[in-house]
Amino acid sequence: VLKRDDYKQVIVDSLKFLVAQERCEVYAFVIMPNHIHLIWQINQHH
């Protein structure tokens, strides 16, 4: 389902939101057609 760019953008927008809300730091990512990989760190107060 993530083959389409508009669905990939959902993932990107969500990561952007989580960072803006200081819930995590995102160091790396890749969005593949059927899975995602992240390198992230959840912030201490969450």
ModelCIF file with pLDDT and N, C-alpha, C, O atoms, coordinates in Angstrom:
data_MODEL
#
_entry.id   MODEL 
#
_entity.id                         1 
_entity.type                       polymer 
_entity.pdbx_number_of_molecules   1 
#
_entity_poly.entity_id                      1 
_entity_poly.type                           'polypeptide(L)' 
_entity_poly.nstd_linkage                   no 
_entity_poly.nstd_monomer                   no 
_entity_poly.pdbx_seq_one_letter_code       VLKRDDYKQVIVDSLKFLVAQERCEVYAFVIMPNHIHLIWQINQHH 
_entity_poly.pdbx_seq_one_letter_code_can   VLKRDDYKQVIVDSLKFLVAQERCEVYAFVIMPNHIHLIWQINQHH 
_entity_poly.pdbx_strand_id                 A 
#
loop_
_entity_poly_seq.entity_id 
_entity_poly_seq.num 
_entity_poly_seq.mon_id 
_entity_poly_seq.hetero 
1 1  VAL n 
1 2  LEU n 
1 3  LYS n 
1 4  ARG n 
1 5  ASP n 
1 6  ASP n 
1 7  TYR n 
1 8  LYS n 
1 9  GLN n 
1 10 VAL n 
1 11 ILE n 
1 12 VAL n 
1 13 ASP n 
1 14 SER n 
1 15 LEU n 
1 16 LYS n 
1 17 PHE n 
1 18 LEU n 
1 19 VAL n 
1 20 ALA n 
1 21 GLN n 
1 22 GLU n 
1 23 ARG n 
1 24 CYS n 
1 25 GLU n 
1 26 VAL n 
1 27 TYR n 
1 28 ALA n 
1 29 PHE n 
1 30 VAL n 
1 31 ILE n 
1 32 MET n 
1 33 PRO n 
1 34 ASN n 
1 35 HIS n 
1 36 ILE n 
1 37 HIS n 
1 38 LEU n 
1 39 ILE n 
1 40 TRP n 
1 41 GLN n 
1 42 ILE n 
1 43 ASN n 
1 44 GLN n 
1 45 HIS n 
1 46 HIS n 
#
_struct_asym.id          A 
_struct_asym.entity_id   1 
#
loop_
_ma_qa_metric.id 
_ma_qa_metric.mode 
_ma_qa_metric.name 
_ma_qa_metric.software_group_id 
_ma_qa_metric.type 
1 global pLDDT . pLDDT 
2 local  pLDDT . pLDDT 
#
_ma_qa_metric_global.metric_id      1 
_ma_qa_metric_global.metric_value   96.54 
_ma_qa_metric_global.model_id       1 
_ma_qa_metric_global.ordinal_id     1 
#
loop_
_ma_qa_metric_local.label_asym_id 
_ma_qa_metric_local.label_comp_id 
_ma_qa_metric_local.label_seq_id 
_ma_qa_metric_local.metric_id 
_ma_qa_metric_local.metric_value 
_ma_qa_metric_local.model_id 
_ma_qa_metric_local.ordinal_id 
A VAL 1  2 96.00 1 1  
A LEU 2  2 97.00 1 2  
A LYS 3  2 95.00 1 3  
A ARG 4  2 93.00 1 4  
A ASP 5  2 95.00 1 5  
A ASP 6  2 94.00 1 6  
A TYR 7  2 95.00 1 7  
A LYS 8  2 97.00 1 8  
A GLN 9  2 96.00 1 9  
A VAL 10 2 97.00 1 10 
A ILE 11 2 98.00 1 11 
A VAL 12 2 97.00 1 12 
A ASP 13 2 97.00 1 13 
A SER 14 2 97.00 1 14 
A LEU 15 2 98.00 1 15 
A LYS 16 2 97.00 1 16 
A PHE 17 2 97.00 1 17 
A LEU 18 2 97.00 1 18 
A VAL 19 2 97.00 1 19 
A ALA 20 2 97.00 1 20 
A GLN 21 2 97.00 1 21 
A GLU 22 2 96.00 1 22 
A ARG 23 2 96.00 1 23 
A CYS 24 2 97.00 1 24 
A GLU 25 2 97.00 1 25 
A VAL 26 2 98.00 1 26 
A TYR 27 2 98.00 1 27 
A ALA 28 2 98.00 1 28 
A PHE 29 2 98.00 1 29 
A VAL 30 2 98.00 1 30 
A ILE 31 2 98.00 1 31 
A MET 32 2 98.00 1 32 
A PRO 33 2 97.00 1 33 
A ASN 34 2 97.00 1 34 
A HIS 35 2 97.00 1 35 
A ILE 36 2 98.00 1 36 
A HIS 37 2 98.00 1 37 
A LEU 38 2 98.00 1 38 
A ILE 39 2 98.00 1 39 
A TRP 40 2 98.00 1 40 
A GLN 41 2 97.00 1 41 
A ILE 42 2 96.00 1 42 
A ASN 43 2 95.00 1 43 
A GLN 44 2 91.00 1 44 
A HIS 45 2 91.00 1 45 
A HIS 46 2 94.00 1 46 
#
loop_
_atom_site.group_PDB 
_atom_site.id 
_atom_site.type_symbol 
_atom_site.label_atom_id 
_atom_site.label_alt_id 
_atom_site.label_comp_id 
_atom_site.label_asym_id 
_atom_site.label_entity_id 
_atom_site.label_seq_id 
_atom_site.pdbx_PDB_ins_code 
_atom_site.Cartn_x 
_atom_site.Cartn_y 
_atom_site.Cartn_z 
_atom_site.occupancy 
_atom_site.B_iso_or_equiv 
_atom_site.pdbx_formal_charge 
_atom_site.auth_seq_id 
_atom_site.auth_comp_id 
_atom_site.auth_asym_id 
_atom_site.auth_atom_id 
_atom_site.pdbx_PDB_model_num 
ATOM 1   N N  . VAL A 1 1  ? 0.820  -1.211 0.000  1.00 96.00 ? 1  VAL A N  1 
ATOM 2   C CA . VAL A 1 1  ? 0.000  0.000  0.000  1.00 96.00 ? 1  VAL A CA 1 
ATOM 3   C C  . VAL A 1 1  ? 0.858  1.266  0.000  1.00 96.00 ? 1  VAL A C  1 
ATOM 4   O O  . VAL A 1 1  ? 0.404  2.314  -0.458 1.00 96.00 ? 1  VAL A O  1 
ATOM 5   N N  . LEU A 1 2  ? 2.079  1.184  0.503  1.00 97.00 ? 2  LEU A N  1 
ATOM 6   C CA . LEU A 1 2  ? 2.959  2.361  0.548  1.00 97.00 ? 2  LEU A CA 1 
ATOM 7   C C  . LEU A 1 2  ? 3.686  2.599  -0.767 1.00 97.00 ? 2  LEU A C  1 
ATOM 8   O O  . LEU A 1 2  ? 4.612  3.408  -0.831 1.00 97.00 ? 2  LEU A O  1 
ATOM 9   N N  . LYS A 1 3  ? 3.281  1.913  -1.791 1.00 95.00 ? 3  LYS A N  1 
ATOM 10  C CA . LYS A 1 3  ? 3.879  2.114  -3.109 1.00 95.00 ? 3  LYS A CA 1 
ATOM 11  C C  . LYS A 1 3  ? 3.550  3.513  -3.637 1.00 95.00 ? 3  LYS A C  1 
ATOM 12  O O  . LYS A 1 3  ? 4.357  4.133  -4.330 1.00 95.00 ? 3  LYS A O  1 
ATOM 13  N N  . ARG A 1 4  ? 2.367  3.991  -3.301 1.00 93.00 ? 4  ARG A N  1 
ATOM 14  C CA . ARG A 1 4  ? 1.934  5.325  -3.748 1.00 93.00 ? 4  ARG A CA 1 
ATOM 15  C C  . ARG A 1 4  ? 2.549  6.417  -2.870 1.00 93.00 ? 4  ARG A C  1 
ATOM 16  O O  . ARG A 1 4  ? 2.624  6.279  -1.650 1.00 93.00 ? 4  ARG A O  1 
ATOM 17  N N  . ASP A 1 5  ? 2.982  7.494  -3.505 1.00 95.00 ? 5  ASP A N  1 
ATOM 18  C CA . ASP A 1 5  ? 3.632  8.582  -2.783 1.00 95.00 ? 5  ASP A CA 1 
ATOM 19  C C  . ASP A 1 5  ? 2.713  9.270  -1.779 1.00 95.00 ? 5  ASP A C  1 
ATOM 20  O O  . ASP A 1 5  ? 3.182  9.722  -0.734 1.00 95.00 ? 5  ASP A O  1 
ATOM 21  N N  . ASP A 1 6  ? 1.413  9.360  -2.070 1.00 94.00 ? 6  ASP A N  1 
ATOM 22  C CA . ASP A 1 6  ? 0.531  10.033 -1.120 1.00 94.00 ? 6  ASP A CA 1 
ATOM 23  C C  . ASP A 1 6  ? 0.417  9.248  0.187  1.00 94.00 ? 6  ASP A C  1 
ATOM 24  O O  . ASP A 1 6  ? 0.207  9.844  1.244  1.00 94.00 ? 6  ASP A O  1 
ATOM 25  N N  . TYR A 1 7  ? 0.551  7.931  0.133  1.00 95.00 ? 7  TYR A N  1 
ATOM 26  C CA . TYR A 1 7  ? 0.557  7.139  1.364  1.00 95.00 ? 7  TYR A CA 1 
ATOM 27  C C  . TYR A 1 7  ? 1.907  7.245  2.082  1.00 95.00 ? 7  TYR A C  1 
ATOM 28  O O  . TYR A 1 7  ? 1.964  7.238  3.312  1.00 95.00 ? 7  TYR A O  1 
ATOM 29  N N  . LYS A 1 8  ? 2.973  7.342  1.319  1.00 97.00 ? 8  LYS A N  1 
ATOM 30  C CA . LYS A 1 8  ? 4.282  7.583  1.931  1.00 97.00 ? 8  LYS A CA 1 
ATOM 31  C C  . LYS A 1 8  ? 4.285  8.926  2.655  1.00 97.00 ? 8  LYS A C  1 
ATOM 32  O O  . LYS A 1 8  ? 4.884  9.071  3.721  1.00 97.00 ? 8  LYS A O  1 
ATOM 33  N N  . GLN A 1 9  ? 3.603  9.909  2.057  1.00 96.00 ? 9  GLN A N  1 
ATOM 34  C CA . GLN A 1 9  ? 3.563  11.238 2.658  1.00 96.00 ? 9  GLN A CA 1 
ATOM 35  C C  . GLN A 1 9  ? 2.866  11.218 4.014  1.00 96.00 ? 9  GLN A C  1 
ATOM 36  O O  . GLN A 1 9  ? 3.188  12.028 4.883  1.00 96.00 ? 9  GLN A O  1 
ATOM 37  N N  . VAL A 1 10 ? 1.915  10.305 4.207  1.00 97.00 ? 10 VAL A N  1 
ATOM 38  C CA . VAL A 1 10 ? 1.271  10.151 5.519  1.00 97.00 ? 10 VAL A CA 1 
ATOM 39  C C  . VAL A 1 10 ? 2.323  9.825  6.580  1.00 97.00 ? 10 VAL A C  1 
ATOM 40  O O  . VAL A 1 10 ? 2.287  10.366 7.686  1.00 97.00 ? 10 VAL A O  1 
ATOM 41  N N  . ILE A 1 11 ? 3.259  8.936  6.235  1.00 98.00 ? 11 ILE A N  1 
ATOM 42  C CA . ILE A 1 11 ? 4.324  8.546  7.160  1.00 98.00 ? 11 ILE A CA 1 
ATOM 43  C C  . ILE A 1 11 ? 5.220  9.758  7.451  1.00 98.00 ? 11 ILE A C  1 
ATOM 44  O O  . ILE A 1 11 ? 5.530  10.048 8.606  1.00 98.00 ? 11 ILE A O  1 
ATOM 45  N N  . VAL A 1 12 ? 5.625  10.452 6.401  1.00 97.00 ? 12 VAL A N  1 
ATOM 46  C CA . VAL A 1 12 ? 6.488  11.626 6.553  1.00 97.00 ? 12 VAL A CA 1 
ATOM 47  C C  . VAL A 1 12 ? 5.817  12.681 7.423  1.00 97.00 ? 12 VAL A C  1 
ATOM 48  O O  . VAL A 1 12 ? 6.440  13.223 8.336  1.00 97.00 ? 12 VAL A O  1 
ATOM 49  N N  . ASP A 1 13 ? 4.556  12.972 7.144  1.00 97.00 ? 13 ASP A N  1 
ATOM 50  C CA . ASP A 1 13 ? 3.845  13.996 7.923  1.00 97.00 ? 13 ASP A CA 1 
ATOM 51  C C  . ASP A 1 13 ? 3.720  13.597 9.390  1.00 97.00 ? 13 ASP A C  1 
ATOM 52  O O  . ASP A 1 13 ? 3.807  14.448 10.275 1.00 97.00 ? 13 ASP A O  1 
ATOM 53  N N  . SER A 1 14 ? 3.519  12.326 9.647  1.00 97.00 ? 14 SER A N  1 
ATOM 54  C CA . SER A 1 14 ? 3.412  11.858 11.024 1.00 97.00 ? 14 SER A CA 1 
ATOM 55  C C  . SER A 1 14 ? 4.752  11.989 11.755 1.00 97.00 ? 14 SER A C  1 
ATOM 56  O O  . SER A 1 14 ? 4.789  12.402 12.915 1.00 97.00 ? 14 SER A O  1 
ATOM 57  N N  . LEU A 1 15 ? 5.848  11.640 11.081 1.00 98.00 ? 15 LEU A N  1 
ATOM 58  C CA . LEU A 1 15 ? 7.170  11.799 11.688 1.00 98.00 ? 15 LEU A CA 1 
ATOM 59  C C  . LEU A 1 15 ? 7.455  13.279 11.976 1.00 98.00 ? 15 LEU A C  1 
ATOM 60  O O  . LEU A 1 15 ? 7.969  13.627 13.038 1.00 98.00 ? 15 LEU A O  1 
ATOM 61  N N  . LYS A 1 16 ? 7.115  14.128 11.024 1.00 97.00 ? 16 LYS A N  1 
ATOM 62  C CA . LYS A 1 16 ? 7.301  15.574 11.199 1.00 97.00 ? 16 LYS A CA 1 
ATOM 63  C C  . LYS A 1 16 ? 6.523  16.066 12.427 1.00 97.00 ? 16 LYS A C  1 
ATOM 64  O O  . LYS A 1 16 ? 7.036  16.862 13.213 1.00 97.00 ? 16 LYS A O  1 
ATOM 65  N N  . PHE A 1 17 ? 5.298  15.592 12.583 1.00 97.00 ? 17 PHE A N  1 
ATOM 66  C CA . PHE A 1 17 ? 4.468  15.962 13.719 1.00 97.00 ? 17 PHE A CA 1 
ATOM 67  C C  . PHE A 1 17 ? 5.088  15.488 15.034 1.00 97.00 ? 17 PHE A C  1 
ATOM 68  O O  . PHE A 1 17 ? 5.162  16.258 15.992 1.00 97.00 ? 17 PHE A O  1 
ATOM 69  N N  . LEU A 1 18 ? 5.532  14.239 15.089 1.00 97.00 ? 18 LEU A N  1 
ATOM 70  C CA . LEU A 1 18 ? 6.116  13.698 16.322 1.00 97.00 ? 18 LEU A CA 1 
ATOM 71  C C  . LEU A 1 18 ? 7.355  14.475 16.745 1.00 97.00 ? 18 LEU A C  1 
ATOM 72  O O  . LEU A 1 18 ? 7.567  14.712 17.934 1.00 97.00 ? 18 LEU A O  1 
ATOM 73  N N  . VAL A 1 19 ? 8.164  14.867 15.784 1.00 97.00 ? 19 VAL A N  1 
ATOM 74  C CA . VAL A 1 19 ? 9.361  15.657 16.088 1.00 97.00 ? 19 VAL A CA 1 
ATOM 75  C C  . VAL A 1 19 ? 8.955  17.052 16.566 1.00 97.00 ? 19 VAL A C  1 
ATOM 76  O O  . VAL A 1 19 ? 9.511  17.557 17.541 1.00 97.00 ? 19 VAL A O  1 
ATOM 77  N N  . ALA A 1 20 ? 7.991  17.677 15.886 1.00 97.00 ? 20 ALA A N  1 
ATOM 78  C CA . ALA A 1 20 ? 7.537  19.015 16.272 1.00 97.00 ? 20 ALA A CA 1 
ATOM 79  C C  . ALA A 1 20 ? 6.939  19.013 17.684 1.00 97.00 ? 20 ALA A C  1 
ATOM 80  O O  . ALA A 1 20 ? 7.048  19.996 18.417 1.00 97.00 ? 20 ALA A O  1 
ATOM 81  N N  . GLN A 1 21 ? 6.312  17.904 18.047 1.00 97.00 ? 21 GLN A N  1 
ATOM 82  C CA . GLN A 1 21 ? 5.717  17.775 19.383 1.00 97.00 ? 21 GLN A CA 1 
ATOM 83  C C  . GLN A 1 21 ? 6.740  17.311 20.429 1.00 97.00 ? 21 GLN A C  1 
ATOM 84  O O  . GLN A 1 21 ? 6.392  17.074 21.586 1.00 97.00 ? 21 GLN A O  1 
ATOM 85  N N  . GLU A 1 22 ? 7.995  17.184 20.011 1.00 96.00 ? 22 GLU A N  1 
ATOM 86  C CA . GLU A 1 22 ? 9.105  16.762 20.873 1.00 96.00 ? 22 GLU A CA 1 
ATOM 87  C C  . GLU A 1 22 ? 8.857  15.396 21.515 1.00 96.00 ? 22 GLU A C  1 
ATOM 88  O O  . GLU A 1 22 ? 9.218  15.160 22.668 1.00 96.00 ? 22 GLU A O  1 
ATOM 89  N N  . ARG A 1 23 ? 8.244  14.519 20.755 1.00 96.00 ? 23 ARG A N  1 
ATOM 90  C CA . ARG A 1 23 ? 8.017  13.158 21.238 1.00 96.00 ? 23 ARG A CA 1 
ATOM 91  C C  . ARG A 1 23 ? 9.161  12.235 20.841 1.00 96.00 ? 23 ARG A C  1 
ATOM 92  O O  . ARG A 1 23 ? 9.372  11.195 21.465 1.00 96.00 ? 23 ARG A O  1 
ATOM 93  N N  . CYS A 1 24 ? 9.905  12.618 19.794 1.00 97.00 ? 24 CYS A N  1 
ATOM 94  C CA . CYS A 1 24 ? 11.037 11.787 19.362 1.00 97.00 ? 24 CYS A CA 1 
ATOM 95  C C  . CYS A 1 24 ? 11.993 12.615 18.511 1.00 97.00 ? 24 CYS A C  1 
ATOM 96  O O  . CYS A 1 24 ? 11.693 13.735 18.097 1.00 97.00 ? 24 CYS A O  1 
ATOM 97  N N  . GLU A 1 25 ? 13.145 12.020 18.271 1.00 97.00 ? 25 GLU A N  1 
ATOM 98  C CA . GLU A 1 25 ? 14.118 12.531 17.304 1.00 97.00 ? 25 GLU A CA 1 
ATOM 99  C C  . GLU A 1 25 ? 14.210 11.477 16.213 1.00 97.00 ? 25 GLU A C  1 
ATOM 100 O O  . GLU A 1 25 ? 14.271 10.285 16.512 1.00 97.00 ? 25 GLU A O  1 
ATOM 101 N N  . VAL A 1 26 ? 14.221 11.894 14.961 1.00 98.00 ? 26 VAL A N  1 
ATOM 102 C CA . VAL A 1 26 ? 14.334 10.957 13.847 1.00 98.00 ? 26 VAL A CA 1 
ATOM 103 C C  . VAL A 1 26 ? 15.703 11.165 13.209 1.00 98.00 ? 26 VAL A C  1 
ATOM 104 O O  . VAL A 1 26 ? 16.022 12.253 12.730 1.00 98.00 ? 26 VAL A O  1 
ATOM 105 N N  . TYR A 1 27 ? 16.504 10.101 13.211 1.00 98.00 ? 27 TYR A N  1 
ATOM 106 C CA . TYR A 1 27 ? 17.858 10.162 12.660 1.00 98.00 ? 27 TYR A CA 1 
ATOM 107 C C  . TYR A 1 27 ? 17.932 9.601  11.247 1.00 98.00 ? 27 TYR A C  1 
ATOM 108 O O  . TYR A 1 27 ? 18.794 10.007 10.468 1.00 98.00 ? 27 TYR A O  1 
ATOM 109 N N  . ALA A 1 28 ? 17.048 8.677  10.907 1.00 98.00 ? 28 ALA A N  1 
ATOM 110 C CA . ALA A 1 28 ? 17.074 8.092  9.568  1.00 98.00 ? 28 ALA A CA 1 
ATOM 111 C C  . ALA A 1 28 ? 15.763 7.361  9.323  1.00 98.00 ? 28 ALA A C  1 
ATOM 112 O O  . ALA A 1 28 ? 15.074 6.949  10.256 1.00 98.00 ? 28 ALA A O  1 
ATOM 113 N N  . PHE A 1 29 ? 15.437 7.212  8.041  1.00 98.00 ? 29 PHE A N  1 
ATOM 114 C CA . PHE A 1 29 ? 14.233 6.468  7.685  1.00 98.00 ? 29 PHE A CA 1 
ATOM 115 C C  . PHE A 1 29 ? 14.301 6.021  6.235  1.00 98.00 ? 29 PHE A C  1 
ATOM 116 O O  . PHE A 1 29 ? 15.065 6.558  5.433  1.00 98.00 ? 29 PHE A O  1 
ATOM 117 N N  . VAL A 1 30 ? 13.498 5.042  5.925  1.00 98.00 ? 30 VAL A N  1 
ATOM 118 C CA . VAL A 1 30 ? 13.207 4.671  4.548  1.00 98.00 ? 30 VAL A CA 1 
ATOM 119 C C  . VAL A 1 30 ? 11.780 4.136  4.545  1.00 98.00 ? 30 VAL A C  1 
ATOM 120 O O  . VAL A 1 30 ? 11.383 3.384  5.436  1.00 98.00 ? 30 VAL A O  1 
ATOM 121 N N  . ILE A 1 31 ? 11.021 4.534  3.535  1.00 98.00 ? 31 ILE A N  1 
ATOM 122 C CA . ILE A 1 31 ? 9.655  4.052  3.383  1.00 98.00 ? 31 ILE A CA 1 
ATOM 123 C C  . ILE A 1 31 ? 9.618  3.183  2.133  1.00 98.00 ? 31 ILE A C  1 
ATOM 124 O O  . ILE A 1 31 ? 9.785  3.668  1.014  1.00 98.00 ? 31 ILE A O  1 
ATOM 125 N N  . MET A 1 32 ? 9.401  1.918  2.342  1.00 98.00 ? 32 MET A N  1 
ATOM 126 C CA . MET A 1 32 ? 9.355  0.938  1.266  1.00 98.00 ? 32 MET A CA 1 
ATOM 127 C C  . MET A 1 32 ? 7.890  0.657  0.915  1.00 98.00 ? 32 MET A C  1 
ATOM 128 O O  . MET A 1 32 ? 7.000  1.110  1.635  1.00 98.00 ? 32 MET A O  1 
ATOM 129 N N  . PRO A 1 33 ? 7.613  -0.074 -0.166 1.00 97.00 ? 33 PRO A N  1 
ATOM 130 C CA . PRO A 1 33 ? 6.216  -0.306 -0.555 1.00 97.00 ? 33 PRO A CA 1 
ATOM 131 C C  . PRO A 1 33 ? 5.361  -1.002 0.505  1.00 97.00 ? 33 PRO A C  1 
ATOM 132 O O  . PRO A 1 33 ? 4.149  -0.792 0.550  1.00 97.00 ? 33 PRO A O  1 
ATOM 133 N N  . ASN A 1 34 ? 5.976  -1.828 1.359  1.00 97.00 ? 34 ASN A N  1 
ATOM 134 C CA . ASN A 1 34 ? 5.165  -2.549 2.345  1.00 97.00 ? 34 ASN A CA 1 
ATOM 135 C C  . ASN A 1 34 ? 5.747  -2.541 3.755  1.00 97.00 ? 34 ASN A C  1 
ATOM 136 O O  . ASN A 1 34 ? 5.288  -3.292 4.616  1.00 97.00 ? 34 ASN A O  1 
ATOM 137 N N  . HIS A 1 35 ? 6.730  -1.719 3.996  1.00 97.00 ? 35 HIS A N  1 
ATOM 138 C CA . HIS A 1 35 ? 7.285  -1.603 5.346  1.00 97.00 ? 35 HIS A CA 1 
ATOM 139 C C  . HIS A 1 35 ? 8.088  -0.311 5.469  1.00 97.00 ? 35 HIS A C  1 
ATOM 140 O O  . HIS A 1 35 ? 8.424  0.337  4.478  1.00 97.00 ? 35 HIS A O  1 
ATOM 141 N N  . ILE A 1 36 ? 8.381  0.036  6.713  1.00 98.00 ? 36 ILE A N  1 
ATOM 142 C CA . ILE A 1 36 ? 9.215  1.208  6.972  1.00 98.00 ? 36 ILE A CA 1 
ATOM 143 C C  . ILE A 1 36 ? 10.313 0.811  7.949  1.00 98.00 ? 36 ILE A C  1 
ATOM 144 O O  . ILE A 1 36 ? 10.145 -0.095 8.766  1.00 98.00 ? 36 ILE A O  1 
ATOM 145 N N  . HIS A 1 37 ? 11.433 1.503  7.846  1.00 98.00 ? 37 HIS A N  1 
ATOM 146 C CA . HIS A 1 37 ? 12.522 1.388  8.817  1.00 98.00 ? 37 HIS A CA 1 
ATOM 147 C C  . HIS A 1 37 ? 12.817 2.791  9.331  1.00 98.00 ? 37 HIS A C  1 
ATOM 148 O O  . HIS A 1 37 ? 12.861 3.752  8.562  1.00 98.00 ? 37 HIS A O  1 
ATOM 149 N N  . LEU A 1 38 ? 13.016 2.893  10.627 1.00 98.00 ? 38 LEU A N  1 
ATOM 150 C CA . LEU A 1 38 ? 13.387 4.165  11.246 1.00 98.00 ? 38 LEU A CA 1 
ATOM 151 C C  . LEU A 1 38 ? 14.579 3.947  12.165 1.00 98.00 ? 38 LEU A C  1 
ATOM 152 O O  . LEU A 1 38 ? 14.748 2.874  12.744 1.00 98.00 ? 38 LEU A O  1 
ATOM 153 N N  . ILE A 1 39 ? 15.383 4.960  12.285 1.00 98.00 ? 39 ILE A N  1 
ATOM 154 C CA . ILE A 1 39 ? 16.312 5.068  13.403 1.00 98.00 ? 39 ILE A CA 1 
ATOM 155 C C  . ILE A 1 39 ? 15.845 6.313  14.128 1.00 98.00 ? 39 ILE A C  1 
ATOM 156 O O  . ILE A 1 39 ? 15.927 7.427  13.611 1.00 98.00 ? 39 ILE A O  1 
ATOM 157 N N  . TRP A 1 40 ? 15.356 6.101  15.328 1.00 98.00 ? 40 TRP A N  1 
ATOM 158 C CA . TRP A 1 40 ? 14.789 7.202  16.099 1.00 98.00 ? 40 TRP A CA 1 
ATOM 159 C C  . TRP A 1 40 ? 15.057 7.020  17.571 1.00 98.00 ? 40 TRP A C  1 
ATOM 160 O O  . TRP A 1 40 ? 15.486 5.958  18.024 1.00 98.00 ? 40 TRP A O  1 
ATOM 161 N N  . GLN A 1 41 ? 14.798 8.069  18.301 1.00 97.00 ? 41 GLN A N  1 
ATOM 162 C CA . GLN A 1 41 ? 14.917 8.016  19.750 1.00 97.00 ? 41 GLN A CA 1 
ATOM 163 C C  . GLN A 1 41 ? 13.684 8.679  20.343 1.00 97.00 ? 41 GLN A C  1 
ATOM 164 O O  . GLN A 1 41 ? 13.379 9.836  20.052 1.00 97.00 ? 41 GLN A O  1 
ATOM 165 N N  . ILE A 1 42 ? 12.990 7.935  21.168 1.00 96.00 ? 42 ILE A N  1 
ATOM 166 C CA . ILE A 1 42 ? 11.833 8.480  21.866 1.00 96.00 ? 42 ILE A CA 1 
ATOM 167 C C  . ILE A 1 42 ? 12.361 9.409  22.952 1.00 96.00 ? 42 ILE A C  1 
ATOM 168 O O  . ILE A 1 42 ? 13.272 9.047  23.697 1.00 96.00 ? 42 ILE A O  1 
ATOM 169 N N  . ASN A 1 43 ? 11.792 10.594 23.038 1.00 95.00 ? 43 ASN A N  1 
ATOM 170 C CA . ASN A 1 43 ? 12.256 11.554 24.032 1.00 95.00 ? 43 ASN A CA 1 
ATOM 171 C C  . ASN A 1 43 ? 11.907 11.107 25.447 1.00 95.00 ? 43 ASN A C  1 
ATOM 172 O O  . ASN A 1 43 ? 10.941 10.377 25.669 1.00 95.00 ? 43 ASN A O  1 
ATOM 173 N N  . GLN A 1 44 ? 12.699 11.551 26.372 1.00 91.00 ? 44 GLN A N  1 
ATOM 174 C CA . GLN A 1 44 ? 12.694 11.063 27.751 1.00 91.00 ? 44 GLN A CA 1 
ATOM 175 C C  . GLN A 1 44 ? 11.340 11.152 28.444 1.00 91.00 ? 44 GLN A C  1 
ATOM 176 O O  . GLN A 1 44 ? 11.018 10.281 29.252 1.00 91.00 ? 44 GLN A O  1 
ATOM 177 N N  . HIS A 1 45 ? 10.551 12.156 28.161 1.00 91.00 ? 45 HIS A N  1 
ATOM 178 C CA . HIS A 1 45 ? 9.304  12.335 28.891 1.00 91.00 ? 45 HIS A CA 1 
ATOM 179 C C  . HIS A 1 45 ? 8.123  11.606 28.254 1.00 91.00 ? 45 HIS A C  1 
ATOM 180 O O  . HIS A 1 45 ? 6.966  11.909 28.547 1.00 91.00 ? 45 HIS A O  1 
ATOM 181 N N  . HIS A 1 46 ? 8.420  10.652 27.390 1.00 94.00 ? 46 HIS A N  1 
ATOM 182 C CA . HIS A 1 46 ? 7.375  9.888  26.705 1.00 94.00 ? 46 HIS A CA 1 
ATOM 183 C C  . HIS A 1 46 ? 7.671  8.400  26.797 1.00 94.00 ? 46 HIS A C  1 
ATOM 184 O O  . HIS A 1 46 ? 6.905  7.586  26.281 1.00 94.00 ? 46 HIS A O  1 
#
